């Protein structure tokens, strides 16, 4: 059988008083998609492990304070030990990444990742 590794998604920023939250939802940038994972603490770092479903799913960031300060945010995606970083600007609640997930003949996930 195939053991599918979780995908770790993290965001970080310099000022903990800026309260950003992180969501993984079903669909291609679908605000009405089902929530798969969420991290909503009061820190300068949010993270979760998730299993993107077959088809499309999206990563969304939300400014809980709603002040949209335009701060620098770094997002990290870790898949099976490989880490990719993305530089974001925290200037609005928005989708920041889309997964398109399929599976090979052995049942291993193939992630086509699009940064927005």
N, C-alpha and C. Protein backbone atom coordinates (compact mmCIF):
# COMPACT_ATOMS: atom_id res chain seq x y z
N UNK A 1 0.83 -1.19 0.00
CA UNK A 1 0.00 0.00 0.00
C UNK A 1 0.87 1.25 0.00
N UNK A 2 0.29 2.35 -0.39
CA UNK A 2 1.01 3.61 -0.50
C UNK A 2 0.69 4.50 0.69
N UNK A 3 1.73 5.00 1.34
CA UNK A 3 1.55 5.97 2.43
C UNK A 3 1.77 7.35 1.83
N UNK A 4 0.73 8.15 1.82
CA UNK A 4 0.80 9.49 1.23
C UNK A 4 1.26 10.47 2.29
N UNK A 5 2.36 11.19 2.03
CA UNK A 5 2.84 12.17 3.01
C UNK A 5 1.93 13.40 3.06
N UNK A 6 1.80 13.96 4.24
CA UNK A 6 1.05 15.21 4.38
C UNK A 6 1.82 16.35 3.71
N UNK A 7 1.08 17.35 3.30
CA UNK A 7 1.67 18.59 2.81
C UNK A 7 1.61 19.59 3.96
N UNK A 8 2.77 20.14 4.31
CA UNK A 8 2.83 21.13 5.39
C UNK A 8 2.81 22.52 4.78
N UNK A 9 1.89 23.34 5.25
CA UNK A 9 1.74 24.72 4.76
C UNK A 9 1.95 25.65 5.95
N UNK A 10 2.82 26.64 5.77
CA UNK A 10 3.13 27.58 6.86
C UNK A 10 3.23 29.00 6.30
N UNK A 11 2.86 29.96 7.13
CA UNK A 11 3.12 31.37 6.82
C UNK A 11 3.75 32.00 8.04
N UNK A 12 4.62 32.99 7.79
CA UNK A 12 5.22 33.73 8.91
C UNK A 12 5.42 35.18 8.50
N UNK A 13 5.46 36.05 9.50
CA UNK A 13 5.65 37.48 9.29
C UNK A 13 6.28 38.05 10.55
N UNK A 14 6.76 39.28 10.50
CA UNK A 14 7.59 39.84 11.56
C UNK A 14 6.82 40.27 12.81
N UNK A 15 5.63 40.83 12.68
CA UNK A 15 4.94 41.47 13.80
C UNK A 15 3.74 40.63 14.24
N UNK A 16 3.83 40.05 15.46
CA UNK A 16 2.75 39.19 15.96
C UNK A 16 1.45 39.95 16.18
N UNK A 17 1.47 41.28 16.25
CA UNK A 17 0.22 42.03 16.40
C UNK A 17 -0.60 42.02 15.12
N UNK A 18 0.05 41.69 14.00
CA UNK A 18 -0.67 41.48 12.74
C UNK A 18 -1.14 40.03 12.75
N UNK A 19 -2.42 39.80 12.73
CA UNK A 19 -2.98 38.46 12.96
C UNK A 19 -3.53 37.86 11.67
N UNK A 20 -2.69 37.11 10.97
CA UNK A 20 -3.09 36.46 9.73
C UNK A 20 -3.47 35.01 10.01
N UNK A 21 -4.51 34.54 9.34
CA UNK A 21 -4.96 33.16 9.47
C UNK A 21 -4.80 32.46 8.12
N UNK A 22 -4.74 31.14 8.16
CA UNK A 22 -4.40 30.33 7.01
C UNK A 22 -5.44 29.24 6.83
N UNK A 23 -5.96 29.09 5.60
CA UNK A 23 -7.01 28.12 5.31
C UNK A 23 -6.64 27.28 4.08
N UNK A 24 -7.06 26.02 4.09
CA UNK A 24 -7.00 25.16 2.91
C UNK A 24 -8.44 24.76 2.61
N UNK A 25 -8.92 25.09 1.41
CA UNK A 25 -10.31 24.83 1.04
C UNK A 25 -10.37 24.06 -0.27
N UNK A 26 -11.49 23.35 -0.46
CA UNK A 26 -11.69 22.63 -1.71
C UNK A 26 -12.02 23.63 -2.82
N UNK A 27 -11.72 23.23 -4.06
CA UNK A 27 -12.07 24.05 -5.21
C UNK A 27 -10.95 24.96 -5.66
N UNK A 28 -11.14 25.53 -6.84
CA UNK A 28 -10.17 26.44 -7.44
C UNK A 28 -10.57 27.87 -7.08
N UNK A 29 -9.98 28.37 -5.97
CA UNK A 29 -10.26 29.72 -5.48
C UNK A 29 -11.75 29.92 -5.21
N UNK A 30 -12.34 28.94 -4.52
CA UNK A 30 -13.77 28.93 -4.25
C UNK A 30 -14.02 29.38 -2.80
N UNK A 31 -14.54 30.59 -2.62
CA UNK A 31 -14.84 31.10 -1.28
C UNK A 31 -15.88 30.26 -0.55
N UNK A 32 -16.63 29.44 -1.28
CA UNK A 32 -17.64 28.58 -0.68
C UNK A 32 -17.17 27.13 -0.59
N UNK A 33 -15.86 26.91 -0.85
CA UNK A 33 -15.31 25.56 -0.74
C UNK A 33 -15.30 25.08 0.70
N UNK A 34 -15.30 23.77 0.86
CA UNK A 34 -15.24 23.18 2.20
C UNK A 34 -13.85 23.39 2.80
N UNK A 35 -13.81 23.70 4.08
CA UNK A 35 -12.54 23.89 4.76
C UNK A 35 -11.92 22.52 5.05
N UNK A 36 -10.69 22.33 4.58
CA UNK A 36 -9.95 21.09 4.81
C UNK A 36 -9.06 21.23 6.02
N UNK A 37 -8.41 22.39 6.16
CA UNK A 37 -7.50 22.65 7.28
C UNK A 37 -7.49 24.15 7.56
N UNK A 38 -7.23 24.49 8.83
CA UNK A 38 -7.17 25.90 9.22
C UNK A 38 -6.17 26.06 10.36
N UNK A 39 -5.49 27.19 10.37
CA UNK A 39 -4.64 27.59 11.49
C UNK A 39 -4.96 29.04 11.77
N UNK A 40 -5.44 29.31 13.00
CA UNK A 40 -5.91 30.66 13.31
C UNK A 40 -5.48 31.07 14.72
N UNK A 41 -4.20 31.02 14.98
CA UNK A 41 -3.69 31.44 16.28
C UNK A 41 -3.42 32.94 16.31
N UNK A 42 -2.91 33.40 17.43
CA UNK A 42 -2.54 34.81 17.58
C UNK A 42 -1.03 34.86 17.78
N UNK A 43 -0.32 34.67 16.68
CA UNK A 43 1.14 34.64 16.68
C UNK A 43 1.62 35.26 15.37
N UNK A 44 2.91 35.19 15.11
CA UNK A 44 3.45 35.64 13.83
C UNK A 44 3.76 34.44 12.94
N UNK A 45 3.05 33.33 13.18
CA UNK A 45 3.30 32.09 12.45
C UNK A 45 2.04 31.23 12.47
N UNK A 46 1.67 30.71 11.33
CA UNK A 46 0.54 29.77 11.25
C UNK A 46 1.01 28.57 10.44
N UNK A 47 0.56 27.38 10.80
CA UNK A 47 0.95 26.18 10.06
C UNK A 47 -0.07 25.07 10.25
N UNK A 48 -0.16 24.20 9.26
CA UNK A 48 -0.93 22.98 9.38
C UNK A 48 -0.40 21.95 8.39
N UNK A 49 -0.75 20.69 8.65
CA UNK A 49 -0.51 19.63 7.69
C UNK A 49 -1.84 19.25 7.08
N UNK A 50 -1.82 18.98 5.78
CA UNK A 50 -3.06 18.73 5.07
C UNK A 50 -2.82 17.69 3.96
N UNK A 51 -3.89 17.15 3.46
CA UNK A 51 -3.84 16.19 2.35
C UNK A 51 -4.72 16.75 1.23
N UNK A 52 -4.13 17.44 0.25
CA UNK A 52 -4.95 18.00 -0.83
C UNK A 52 -5.74 16.90 -1.54
N UNK A 53 -7.04 17.09 -1.71
CA UNK A 53 -7.86 16.07 -2.36
C UNK A 53 -7.62 16.06 -3.87
N UNK A 54 -8.06 15.01 -4.51
CA UNK A 54 -7.96 14.94 -5.97
C UNK A 54 -8.75 16.10 -6.57
N UNK A 55 -8.20 16.69 -7.61
CA UNK A 55 -8.81 17.86 -8.23
C UNK A 55 -8.18 19.13 -7.67
N UNK A 56 -8.97 20.17 -7.59
CA UNK A 56 -8.45 21.47 -7.15
C UNK A 56 -8.73 21.72 -5.68
N UNK A 57 -7.77 22.39 -5.03
CA UNK A 57 -7.95 22.95 -3.70
C UNK A 57 -7.04 24.17 -3.60
N UNK A 58 -7.34 25.05 -2.64
CA UNK A 58 -6.67 26.36 -2.62
C UNK A 58 -6.27 26.76 -1.21
N UNK A 59 -5.21 27.56 -1.14
CA UNK A 59 -4.75 28.14 0.12
C UNK A 59 -5.19 29.61 0.15
N UNK A 60 -5.78 30.00 1.27
CA UNK A 60 -6.34 31.33 1.46
C UNK A 60 -5.75 31.93 2.73
N UNK A 61 -5.37 33.20 2.68
CA UNK A 61 -4.93 33.91 3.88
C UNK A 61 -5.94 35.00 4.22
N UNK A 62 -6.12 35.21 5.52
CA UNK A 62 -7.11 36.20 5.98
C UNK A 62 -6.50 37.04 7.09
N UNK A 63 -6.66 38.35 6.98
CA UNK A 63 -6.21 39.29 8.00
C UNK A 63 -7.33 39.43 9.03
N UNK A 64 -7.16 38.76 10.17
CA UNK A 64 -8.19 38.79 11.20
C UNK A 64 -8.44 40.20 11.70
N UNK A 65 -7.39 41.04 11.72
CA UNK A 65 -7.54 42.43 12.17
C UNK A 65 -8.19 43.32 11.12
N UNK A 66 -8.20 42.87 9.89
CA UNK A 66 -8.78 43.63 8.76
C UNK A 66 -8.14 45.00 8.57
N UNK A 67 -6.84 45.11 8.85
CA UNK A 67 -6.19 46.40 8.61
C UNK A 67 -5.35 46.39 7.34
N UNK A 68 -5.11 45.22 6.76
CA UNK A 68 -4.45 45.07 5.45
C UNK A 68 -3.23 45.98 5.32
N UNK A 69 -2.28 45.77 6.23
CA UNK A 69 -1.13 46.66 6.38
C UNK A 69 -0.09 46.54 5.27
N UNK A 70 -0.24 45.58 4.37
CA UNK A 70 0.75 45.43 3.31
C UNK A 70 2.06 44.84 3.80
N UNK A 71 2.00 44.01 4.84
CA UNK A 71 3.22 43.44 5.41
C UNK A 71 3.76 42.30 4.54
N UNK A 72 5.03 42.02 4.71
CA UNK A 72 5.67 40.90 4.02
C UNK A 72 5.35 39.61 4.76
N UNK A 73 4.90 38.62 4.02
CA UNK A 73 4.59 37.30 4.56
C UNK A 73 5.35 36.28 3.73
N UNK A 74 5.93 35.30 4.39
CA UNK A 74 6.59 34.21 3.67
C UNK A 74 5.76 32.95 3.89
N UNK A 75 5.44 32.27 2.79
CA UNK A 75 4.71 31.01 2.86
C UNK A 75 5.68 29.89 2.49
N UNK A 76 5.63 28.80 3.24
CA UNK A 76 6.44 27.62 2.97
C UNK A 76 5.51 26.44 2.69
N UNK A 77 5.81 25.70 1.64
CA UNK A 77 5.11 24.47 1.32
C UNK A 77 6.14 23.35 1.40
N UNK A 78 5.88 22.37 2.27
CA UNK A 78 6.79 21.24 2.41
C UNK A 78 6.08 19.97 1.97
N UNK A 79 6.65 19.30 0.98
CA UNK A 79 6.10 18.05 0.47
C UNK A 79 7.20 17.01 0.49
N UNK A 80 7.03 15.99 1.31
CA UNK A 80 7.97 14.88 1.39
C UNK A 80 9.41 15.37 1.59
N UNK A 81 9.59 16.36 2.49
CA UNK A 81 10.92 16.85 2.82
C UNK A 81 11.44 17.99 1.95
N UNK A 82 10.77 18.25 0.83
CA UNK A 82 11.19 19.37 -0.04
C UNK A 82 10.39 20.61 0.31
N UNK A 83 11.11 21.71 0.58
CA UNK A 83 10.46 22.96 0.99
C UNK A 83 10.60 24.00 -0.11
N UNK A 84 9.47 24.61 -0.46
CA UNK A 84 9.46 25.72 -1.41
C UNK A 84 8.90 26.93 -0.69
N UNK A 85 9.53 28.09 -0.88
CA UNK A 85 9.04 29.31 -0.23
C UNK A 85 8.46 30.26 -1.26
N UNK A 86 7.49 31.03 -0.81
CA UNK A 86 6.80 32.02 -1.64
C UNK A 86 6.72 33.32 -0.86
N UNK A 87 7.06 34.42 -1.49
CA UNK A 87 6.93 35.73 -0.86
C UNK A 87 5.56 36.31 -1.17
N UNK A 88 4.84 36.69 -0.13
CA UNK A 88 3.49 37.24 -0.27
C UNK A 88 3.46 38.65 0.31
N UNK A 89 2.46 39.41 -0.08
CA UNK A 89 2.20 40.71 0.52
C UNK A 89 0.83 40.62 1.20
N UNK A 90 0.81 40.90 2.51
CA UNK A 90 -0.43 40.87 3.27
C UNK A 90 -1.19 42.16 3.11
N UNK A 91 -1.84 42.33 1.96
CA UNK A 91 -2.57 43.56 1.68
C UNK A 91 -4.07 43.34 1.50
N UNK A 92 -4.52 42.07 1.59
CA UNK A 92 -5.94 41.76 1.49
C UNK A 92 -6.15 40.30 1.86
N UNK A 93 -7.38 39.95 2.20
CA UNK A 93 -7.74 38.55 2.33
C UNK A 93 -7.72 38.00 0.91
N UNK A 94 -7.03 36.86 0.69
CA UNK A 94 -6.92 36.41 -0.70
C UNK A 94 -6.43 34.98 -0.80
N UNK A 95 -6.72 34.39 -1.95
CA UNK A 95 -6.14 33.11 -2.30
C UNK A 95 -4.70 33.35 -2.73
N UNK A 96 -3.79 32.46 -2.30
CA UNK A 96 -2.37 32.65 -2.62
C UNK A 96 -1.75 31.47 -3.36
N UNK A 97 -2.47 30.34 -3.40
CA UNK A 97 -1.91 29.16 -4.04
C UNK A 97 -3.01 28.18 -4.38
N UNK A 98 -2.85 27.46 -5.50
CA UNK A 98 -3.82 26.44 -5.92
C UNK A 98 -3.07 25.13 -6.14
N UNK A 99 -3.62 24.06 -5.57
CA UNK A 99 -3.14 22.70 -5.85
C UNK A 99 -4.07 22.07 -6.88
N UNK A 100 -3.51 21.42 -7.88
CA UNK A 100 -4.28 20.51 -8.72
C UNK A 100 -3.67 19.14 -8.48
N UNK A 101 -4.43 18.26 -7.86
CA UNK A 101 -3.91 16.98 -7.41
C UNK A 101 -4.45 15.85 -8.28
N UNK A 102 -3.54 15.00 -8.72
CA UNK A 102 -3.89 13.77 -9.42
C UNK A 102 -3.03 12.66 -8.83
N UNK A 103 -3.22 11.43 -9.29
CA UNK A 103 -2.47 10.29 -8.76
C UNK A 103 -1.87 9.48 -9.89
N UNK A 104 -0.65 8.98 -9.66
CA UNK A 104 -0.03 8.11 -10.66
C UNK A 104 -0.59 6.70 -10.52
N UNK A 105 -0.12 5.78 -11.35
CA UNK A 105 -0.67 4.41 -11.36
C UNK A 105 -0.36 3.65 -10.07
N UNK A 106 0.61 4.12 -9.29
CA UNK A 106 0.94 3.49 -8.01
C UNK A 106 0.19 4.13 -6.84
N UNK A 107 -0.64 5.12 -7.12
CA UNK A 107 -1.40 5.79 -6.06
C UNK A 107 -0.67 6.93 -5.38
N UNK A 108 0.46 7.36 -5.94
CA UNK A 108 1.20 8.48 -5.37
C UNK A 108 0.63 9.80 -5.88
N UNK A 109 0.50 10.79 -5.01
CA UNK A 109 -0.06 12.08 -5.47
C UNK A 109 0.91 12.84 -6.35
N UNK A 110 0.35 13.52 -7.33
CA UNK A 110 1.09 14.44 -8.19
C UNK A 110 0.46 15.82 -7.97
N UNK A 111 1.25 16.75 -7.47
CA UNK A 111 0.75 18.09 -7.19
C UNK A 111 1.23 19.07 -8.24
N UNK A 112 0.29 19.68 -8.94
CA UNK A 112 0.60 20.80 -9.83
C UNK A 112 0.24 22.04 -9.03
N UNK A 113 1.25 22.83 -8.64
CA UNK A 113 1.05 23.95 -7.72
C UNK A 113 1.19 25.26 -8.48
N UNK A 114 0.19 26.12 -8.32
CA UNK A 114 0.21 27.44 -8.95
C UNK A 114 0.16 28.50 -7.87
N UNK A 115 1.21 29.33 -7.82
CA UNK A 115 1.20 30.49 -6.91
C UNK A 115 0.42 31.61 -7.59
N UNK A 116 -0.37 32.31 -6.80
CA UNK A 116 -1.21 33.37 -7.36
C UNK A 116 -0.63 34.75 -7.07
